[in-house]
Amino acid sequence: MMWVGTAIVVVKTVILLLGSGITYIAYRAYRRTGVPSLRMLGIGFGIITFGALLAGIAHQILSVSLEMGILINSVLVAIGLGIIMYSLYLERE
C-alpha cells in the first residue's frame, strides 16, 4: 500500500498550505485592526498547521511510528482548537 504513504504526504502538504494561508490572513487582520481575538485565532491555526507538519516530519523523516505521529498531530490540533475557541470567546467580551 505504497499509495497510502504518498496520499498522506499530499494531504499533509495541502494542510500545510491552507493552514499557513489562514494563519497569515489572521495575522494580517490582527496587524490591521489590533483586535486580540484575531491574534489568538492566528496562533490557534498556526499550532494546528504546525501539528500537521511536525507529525508528517516525525513519521516520514524521523521514522516515528504512524500511531505516534497521529498522537502528536491530535494533541496539537486539540491545543489549536482550544485556542481558536478562546479567540471566539474573546470576541464576545
N, C-alpha and C. Protein backbone atom coordinates (compact mmCIF):
# COMPACT_ATOMS: atom_id res chain seq x y z
N MET A 1 0.83 -1.19 0.00
CA MET A 1 0.00 0.00 0.00
C MET A 1 0.88 1.26 0.00
N MET A 2 1.72 1.33 -0.99
CA MET A 2 2.61 2.48 -1.12
C MET A 2 1.83 3.77 -1.36
N TRP A 3 0.67 3.67 -1.96
CA TRP A 3 -0.10 4.87 -2.27
C TRP A 3 -0.59 5.57 -1.01
N VAL A 4 -0.74 4.85 0.10
CA VAL A 4 -1.20 5.47 1.34
C VAL A 4 -0.15 6.46 1.85
N GLY A 5 1.11 6.06 1.81
CA GLY A 5 2.18 6.97 2.23
C GLY A 5 2.23 8.21 1.37
N THR A 6 2.07 8.03 0.08
CA THR A 6 2.05 9.17 -0.85
C THR A 6 0.84 10.06 -0.58
N ALA A 7 -0.30 9.45 -0.34
CA ALA A 7 -1.52 10.22 -0.06
C ALA A 7 -1.36 11.03 1.23
N ILE A 8 -0.72 10.46 2.24
CA ILE A 8 -0.50 11.18 3.50
C ILE A 8 0.37 12.41 3.24
N VAL A 9 1.43 12.24 2.48
CA VAL A 9 2.31 13.37 2.17
C VAL A 9 1.55 14.46 1.41
N VAL A 10 0.74 14.07 0.44
CA VAL A 10 -0.04 15.04 -0.34
C VAL A 10 -1.02 15.78 0.55
N VAL A 11 -1.76 15.06 1.37
CA VAL A 11 -2.76 15.69 2.24
C VAL A 11 -2.08 16.59 3.27
N LYS A 12 -0.97 16.15 3.86
CA LYS A 12 -0.25 16.99 4.82
C LYS A 12 0.26 18.27 4.15
N THR A 13 0.68 18.16 2.90
CA THR A 13 1.14 19.34 2.16
C THR A 13 -0.01 20.32 1.94
N VAL A 14 -1.17 19.81 1.57
CA VAL A 14 -2.35 20.67 1.39
C VAL A 14 -2.72 21.33 2.71
N ILE A 15 -2.70 20.57 3.80
CA ILE A 15 -3.00 21.13 5.13
C ILE A 15 -1.99 22.23 5.47
N LEU A 16 -0.72 21.99 5.19
CA LEU A 16 0.31 22.99 5.46
C LEU A 16 0.06 24.27 4.67
N LEU A 17 -0.27 24.14 3.40
CA LEU A 17 -0.51 25.32 2.57
C LEU A 17 -1.75 26.09 3.01
N LEU A 18 -2.85 25.37 3.22
CA LEU A 18 -4.09 26.04 3.64
C LEU A 18 -3.97 26.63 5.04
N GLY A 19 -3.39 25.87 5.95
CA GLY A 19 -3.22 26.37 7.32
C GLY A 19 -2.32 27.58 7.38
N SER A 20 -1.25 27.55 6.59
CA SER A 20 -0.35 28.71 6.54
C SER A 20 -1.06 29.93 5.98
N GLY A 21 -1.89 29.72 4.96
CA GLY A 21 -2.66 30.83 4.38
C GLY A 21 -3.63 31.43 5.39
N ILE A 22 -4.35 30.59 6.10
CA ILE A 22 -5.29 31.08 7.11
C ILE A 22 -4.55 31.81 8.22
N THR A 23 -3.43 31.24 8.66
CA THR A 23 -2.64 31.87 9.72
C THR A 23 -2.15 33.25 9.28
N TYR A 24 -1.68 33.34 8.05
CA TYR A 24 -1.18 34.61 7.51
C TYR A 24 -2.30 35.65 7.41
N ILE A 25 -3.45 35.23 6.92
CA ILE A 25 -4.58 36.16 6.80
C ILE A 25 -5.02 36.66 8.17
N ALA A 26 -5.09 35.75 9.15
CA ALA A 26 -5.47 36.17 10.51
C ALA A 26 -4.43 37.12 11.09
N TYR A 27 -3.16 36.87 10.84
CA TYR A 27 -2.10 37.76 11.32
C TYR A 27 -2.21 39.14 10.69
N ARG A 28 -2.43 39.17 9.38
CA ARG A 28 -2.59 40.46 8.70
C ARG A 28 -3.80 41.22 9.23
N ALA A 29 -4.90 40.51 9.48
CA ALA A 29 -6.09 41.15 10.02
C ALA A 29 -5.81 41.70 11.42
N TYR A 30 -5.05 40.95 12.21
CA TYR A 30 -4.69 41.44 13.55
C TYR A 30 -3.82 42.69 13.44
N ARG A 31 -2.83 42.67 12.56
CA ARG A 31 -1.95 43.83 12.41
C ARG A 31 -2.71 45.07 11.95
N ARG A 32 -3.72 44.84 11.12
CA ARG A 32 -4.51 45.96 10.59
C ARG A 32 -5.46 46.52 11.64
N THR A 33 -6.06 45.63 12.45
CA THR A 33 -7.10 46.07 13.38
C THR A 33 -6.65 46.14 14.83
N GLY A 34 -5.65 45.34 15.19
CA GLY A 34 -5.21 45.29 16.59
C GLY A 34 -6.15 44.52 17.50
N VAL A 35 -7.08 43.78 16.94
CA VAL A 35 -8.05 43.01 17.72
C VAL A 35 -7.37 41.75 18.26
N PRO A 36 -7.29 41.60 19.60
CA PRO A 36 -6.59 40.47 20.19
C PRO A 36 -7.15 39.10 19.78
N SER A 37 -8.44 39.02 19.54
CA SER A 37 -9.02 37.73 19.17
C SER A 37 -8.48 37.24 17.82
N LEU A 38 -8.15 38.17 16.93
CA LEU A 38 -7.58 37.78 15.64
C LEU A 38 -6.16 37.24 15.82
N ARG A 39 -5.43 37.80 16.77
CA ARG A 39 -4.09 37.27 17.07
C ARG A 39 -4.20 35.85 17.59
N MET A 40 -5.13 35.61 18.52
CA MET A 40 -5.31 34.27 19.07
C MET A 40 -5.80 33.30 18.00
N LEU A 41 -6.65 33.77 17.11
CA LEU A 41 -7.13 32.93 16.01
C LEU A 41 -5.95 32.48 15.14
N GLY A 42 -5.07 33.41 14.81
CA GLY A 42 -3.88 33.07 14.03
C GLY A 42 -2.98 32.09 14.75
N ILE A 43 -2.80 32.28 16.04
CA ILE A 43 -1.97 31.36 16.83
C ILE A 43 -2.58 29.96 16.82
N GLY A 44 -3.90 29.89 17.00
CA GLY A 44 -4.58 28.59 17.00
C GLY A 44 -4.41 27.85 15.69
N PHE A 45 -4.64 28.54 14.58
CA PHE A 45 -4.46 27.89 13.28
C PHE A 45 -2.99 27.57 13.02
N GLY A 46 -2.10 28.42 13.52
CA GLY A 46 -0.67 28.14 13.38
C GLY A 46 -0.27 26.87 14.10
N ILE A 47 -0.80 26.65 15.29
CA ILE A 47 -0.48 25.44 16.05
C ILE A 47 -1.05 24.21 15.35
N ILE A 48 -2.26 24.31 14.85
CA ILE A 48 -2.84 23.18 14.11
C ILE A 48 -1.98 22.85 12.88
N THR A 49 -1.58 23.87 12.15
CA THR A 49 -0.75 23.68 10.97
C THR A 49 0.60 23.09 11.35
N PHE A 50 1.19 23.60 12.42
CA PHE A 50 2.47 23.08 12.90
C PHE A 50 2.34 21.61 13.30
N GLY A 51 1.20 21.25 13.88
CA GLY A 51 0.97 19.85 14.25
C GLY A 51 0.98 18.93 13.06
N ALA A 52 0.35 19.35 11.98
CA ALA A 52 0.35 18.54 10.76
C ALA A 52 1.76 18.41 10.20
N LEU A 53 2.50 19.51 10.21
CA LEU A 53 3.87 19.49 9.71
C LEU A 53 4.75 18.61 10.58
N LEU A 54 4.68 18.79 11.89
CA LEU A 54 5.51 18.03 12.81
C LEU A 54 5.21 16.54 12.74
N ALA A 55 3.94 16.19 12.69
CA ALA A 55 3.58 14.77 12.60
C ALA A 55 4.09 14.17 11.30
N GLY A 56 3.99 14.89 10.21
CA GLY A 56 4.49 14.40 8.93
C GLY A 56 5.99 14.22 8.93
N ILE A 57 6.70 15.19 9.47
CA ILE A 57 8.16 15.10 9.56
C ILE A 57 8.57 13.94 10.47
N ALA A 58 7.89 13.83 11.61
CA ALA A 58 8.22 12.77 12.56
C ALA A 58 8.06 11.39 11.92
N HIS A 59 7.00 11.21 11.16
CA HIS A 59 6.74 9.91 10.56
C HIS A 59 7.64 9.65 9.35
N GLN A 60 7.75 10.62 8.45
CA GLN A 60 8.46 10.40 7.19
C GLN A 60 9.99 10.47 7.34
N ILE A 61 10.48 11.38 8.16
CA ILE A 61 11.92 11.61 8.23
C ILE A 61 12.54 10.97 9.47
N LEU A 62 11.87 11.07 10.60
CA LEU A 62 12.44 10.57 11.85
C LEU A 62 12.03 9.13 12.17
N SER A 63 11.28 8.52 11.28
CA SER A 63 10.84 7.12 11.43
C SER A 63 10.05 6.87 12.72
N VAL A 64 9.30 7.86 13.16
CA VAL A 64 8.40 7.68 14.29
C VAL A 64 7.20 6.88 13.79
N SER A 65 6.64 6.04 14.65
CA SER A 65 5.52 5.21 14.22
C SER A 65 4.33 6.07 13.78
N LEU A 66 3.51 5.50 12.93
CA LEU A 66 2.32 6.21 12.46
C LEU A 66 1.42 6.58 13.64
N GLU A 67 1.30 5.67 14.60
CA GLU A 67 0.47 5.94 15.77
C GLU A 67 0.98 7.14 16.56
N MET A 68 2.30 7.24 16.75
CA MET A 68 2.87 8.37 17.48
C MET A 68 2.69 9.66 16.68
N GLY A 69 2.82 9.59 15.36
CA GLY A 69 2.58 10.76 14.52
C GLY A 69 1.14 11.25 14.64
N ILE A 70 0.21 10.30 14.68
CA ILE A 70 -1.20 10.66 14.85
C ILE A 70 -1.42 11.29 16.22
N LEU A 71 -0.77 10.74 17.24
CA LEU A 71 -0.90 11.31 18.59
C LEU A 71 -0.36 12.74 18.64
N ILE A 72 0.82 12.95 18.08
CA ILE A 72 1.41 14.30 18.04
C ILE A 72 0.46 15.27 17.35
N ASN A 73 -0.03 14.88 16.18
CA ASN A 73 -0.95 15.72 15.43
C ASN A 73 -2.22 15.99 16.23
N SER A 74 -2.77 14.98 16.84
CA SER A 74 -4.03 15.13 17.58
C SER A 74 -3.89 16.06 18.78
N VAL A 75 -2.77 15.94 19.50
CA VAL A 75 -2.54 16.81 20.66
C VAL A 75 -2.45 18.27 20.20
N LEU A 76 -1.70 18.52 19.13
CA LEU A 76 -1.56 19.90 18.67
C LEU A 76 -2.85 20.43 18.05
N VAL A 77 -3.63 19.59 17.41
CA VAL A 77 -4.94 20.02 16.90
C VAL A 77 -5.84 20.39 18.07
N ALA A 78 -5.84 19.58 19.12
CA ALA A 78 -6.67 19.88 20.30
C ALA A 78 -6.26 21.20 20.94
N ILE A 79 -4.96 21.43 21.07
CA ILE A 79 -4.48 22.70 21.63
C ILE A 79 -4.89 23.86 20.73
N GLY A 80 -4.68 23.70 19.43
CA GLY A 80 -5.04 24.76 18.48
C GLY A 80 -6.52 25.08 18.50
N LEU A 81 -7.35 24.03 18.56
CA LEU A 81 -8.80 24.26 18.61
C LEU A 81 -9.20 24.94 19.92
N GLY A 82 -8.53 24.59 21.00
CA GLY A 82 -8.80 25.27 22.27
C GLY A 82 -8.48 26.76 22.19
N ILE A 83 -7.38 27.09 21.53
CA ILE A 83 -7.00 28.50 21.36
C ILE A 83 -7.99 29.20 20.44
N ILE A 84 -8.42 28.54 19.38
CA ILE A 84 -9.42 29.13 18.48
C ILE A 84 -10.72 29.37 19.25
N MET A 85 -11.12 28.41 20.06
CA MET A 85 -12.33 28.58 20.87
C MET A 85 -12.18 29.78 21.81
N TYR A 86 -11.01 29.91 22.42
CA TYR A 86 -10.74 31.04 23.30
C TYR A 86 -10.80 32.35 22.51
N SER A 87 -10.27 32.35 21.27
CA SER A 87 -10.31 33.58 20.47
C SER A 87 -11.75 33.99 20.18
N LEU A 88 -12.61 33.03 19.98
CA LEU A 88 -14.03 33.34 19.75
C LEU A 88 -14.68 33.86 21.03
N TYR A 89 -14.23 33.35 22.17
CA TYR A 89 -14.75 33.82 23.45
C TYR A 89 -14.28 35.26 23.68
N LEU A 90 -13.04 35.58 23.32
CA LEU A 90 -12.53 36.94 23.48
C LEU A 90 -13.38 37.94 22.70
N GLU A 91 -13.84 37.52 21.54
CA GLU A 91 -14.66 38.40 20.69
C GLU A 91 -15.95 38.79 21.37
N ARG A 92 -16.48 37.90 22.22
CA ARG A 92 -17.75 38.16 22.91
C ARG A 92 -17.60 39.19 24.01
N GLU A 93 -16.41 39.30 24.57
CA GLU A 93 -16.22 40.22 25.72
C GLU A 93 -16.27 41.66 25.31
